[in-house]
């Protein structure tokens, strides 16, 4: 947890912890080496995405580590807030 606290409060980040209240996906990619690492992050903090590509890469990570139901659930929840056809198409491609 100390590492995640450091990442969120790192002054070199363009965001500060009050603004994002989570961990940037770019940092998640550096931390996650196992399914357990990903599970710990998902259970302990919010993941913040800077780009649409980051979001699709996160869904791909979930699918690769066997979290298909979680990926679908997150995606369905996100759909209620946005309607980005490129993102929808990208997610559907990942599911195939």
Protein backbone atom coordinates (compact mmCIF):
# COMPACT_ATOMS: atom_id res chain seq x y z
CA UNK A 1 0.00 0.00 0.00
CA UNK A 2 2.88 2.38 0.66
CA UNK A 3 3.87 2.16 -3.02
CA UNK A 4 0.36 3.06 -4.15
CA UNK A 5 0.25 5.99 -1.71
CA UNK A 6 3.55 7.24 -3.13
CA UNK A 7 2.30 6.90 -6.70
CA UNK A 8 -0.88 8.84 -5.98
CA UNK A 9 0.97 11.63 -4.20
CA UNK A 10 3.92 11.80 -6.61
CA UNK A 11 4.49 15.47 -7.42
CA UNK A 12 5.69 14.66 -10.95
CA UNK A 13 2.20 13.48 -11.87
CA UNK A 14 0.03 16.01 -13.76
CA UNK A 15 -2.74 15.23 -11.24
CA UNK A 16 -2.74 15.42 -7.48
CA UNK A 17 -4.36 12.99 -5.07
CA UNK A 18 -7.20 15.39 -4.21
CA UNK A 19 -8.16 15.66 -7.88
CA UNK A 20 -8.11 11.99 -8.78
CA UNK A 21 -8.50 10.16 -5.46
CA UNK A 22 -7.13 7.01 -7.09
CA UNK A 23 -4.27 5.57 -9.07
CA UNK A 24 -3.50 6.35 -12.70
CA UNK A 25 -3.76 3.39 -15.06
CA UNK A 26 -0.24 4.10 -16.30
CA UNK A 27 0.93 3.33 -12.74
CA UNK A 28 -1.28 0.24 -12.52
CA UNK A 29 0.47 -1.17 -15.60
CA UNK A 30 3.82 -0.85 -13.81
CA UNK A 31 2.56 -2.48 -10.60
CA UNK A 32 0.48 -5.41 -11.89
CA UNK A 33 2.52 -8.54 -12.49
CA UNK A 34 -0.02 -11.16 -11.32
CA UNK A 35 -3.76 -11.69 -11.05
CA UNK A 36 -3.46 -11.07 -7.30
CA UNK A 37 -1.79 -7.69 -7.90
CA UNK A 38 -4.70 -6.64 -10.10
CA UNK A 39 -7.25 -7.93 -7.60
CA UNK A 40 -5.61 -5.96 -4.77
CA UNK A 41 -5.76 -2.75 -6.79
CA UNK A 42 -9.37 -3.31 -7.82
CA UNK A 43 -10.39 -3.90 -4.22
CA UNK A 44 -8.42 -1.04 -2.69
CA UNK A 45 -8.59 2.00 -4.95
CA UNK A 46 -10.13 3.68 -7.97
CA UNK A 47 -8.30 3.45 -11.27
CA UNK A 48 -8.11 6.70 -13.24
CA UNK A 49 -7.81 6.69 -17.03
CA UNK A 50 -6.27 9.53 -19.02
CA UNK A 51 -7.20 8.25 -22.48
CA UNK A 52 -9.70 6.02 -24.23
CA UNK A 53 -6.82 3.73 -25.14
CA UNK A 54 -5.95 3.33 -21.44
CA UNK A 55 -9.52 2.29 -20.72
CA UNK A 56 -9.51 -0.31 -23.49
CA UNK A 57 -6.13 -1.59 -22.29
CA UNK A 58 -7.60 -1.92 -18.77
CA UNK A 59 -10.50 -3.98 -20.12
CA UNK A 60 -7.99 -6.13 -22.00
CA UNK A 61 -6.00 -6.60 -18.77
CA UNK A 62 -9.16 -7.68 -16.94
CA UNK A 63 -9.98 -10.19 -19.67
CA UNK A 64 -6.41 -11.55 -19.77
CA UNK A 65 -6.44 -12.16 -16.01
CA UNK A 66 -9.81 -13.92 -16.12
CA UNK A 67 -12.07 -11.08 -14.97
CA UNK A 68 -14.50 -11.22 -17.89
CA UNK A 69 -17.59 -10.66 -15.72
CA UNK A 70 -15.96 -7.65 -14.04
CA UNK A 71 -14.92 -6.21 -17.40
CA UNK A 72 -18.47 -6.51 -18.72
CA UNK A 73 -19.93 -5.05 -15.52
CA UNK A 74 -17.55 -2.05 -15.57
CA UNK A 75 -18.27 -1.50 -19.25
CA UNK A 76 -22.05 -1.63 -18.80
CA UNK A 77 -21.82 0.84 -15.91
CA UNK A 78 -19.69 3.16 -18.04
CA UNK A 79 -22.20 2.99 -20.92
CA UNK A 80 -24.82 4.63 -18.73
CA UNK A 81 -22.56 7.68 -18.49
CA UNK A 82 -21.13 7.99 -22.01
CA UNK A 83 -21.94 6.95 -25.56
CA UNK A 84 -18.67 6.64 -27.43
CA UNK A 85 -19.12 4.33 -30.41
CA UNK A 86 -15.37 3.90 -30.92
CA UNK A 87 -15.03 2.70 -27.32
CA UNK A 88 -18.02 0.37 -27.69
CA UNK A 89 -16.53 -1.11 -30.86
CA UNK A 90 -13.14 -1.52 -29.18
CA UNK A 91 -14.65 -3.34 -26.22
CA UNK A 92 -16.69 -5.63 -28.47
CA UNK A 93 -13.51 -6.48 -30.38
CA UNK A 94 -11.78 -7.42 -27.12
CA UNK A 95 -14.61 -9.79 -26.21
CA UNK A 96 -14.27 -11.78 -29.43
